[in-house]
């Protein structure tokens, strides 16, 4: 099935993208379904220190975690994002990497 799951270290920035009771939970001890990525045909994922990105079929890019316009020292919990499609791109994305 076309479902995405997260397990392991989730950190301070919701790096695995869970919602509900697991939002901002430091560690996910068991696999948790990630609704924002499930059903999107995700075929590549990269998670860095502050955010995650995923690539779906047809080149659609998803992002979550700490927004690019925030710096680590000036964020609050309300600025942490759940997985969502990046809509401002006018290009097809073929690869991705969040770095470290």
Foldseek 3Di string as FASTA:
>chain_A
DQWDWDFFACCQFRQRQADDPCRRPGGHHDIDTRVLRGPQQWDDKETDPFKIWTAHPPQWIWIWTADPVDDPVPDDSVRGGGIDTDDPDPDRDDDDYPYD
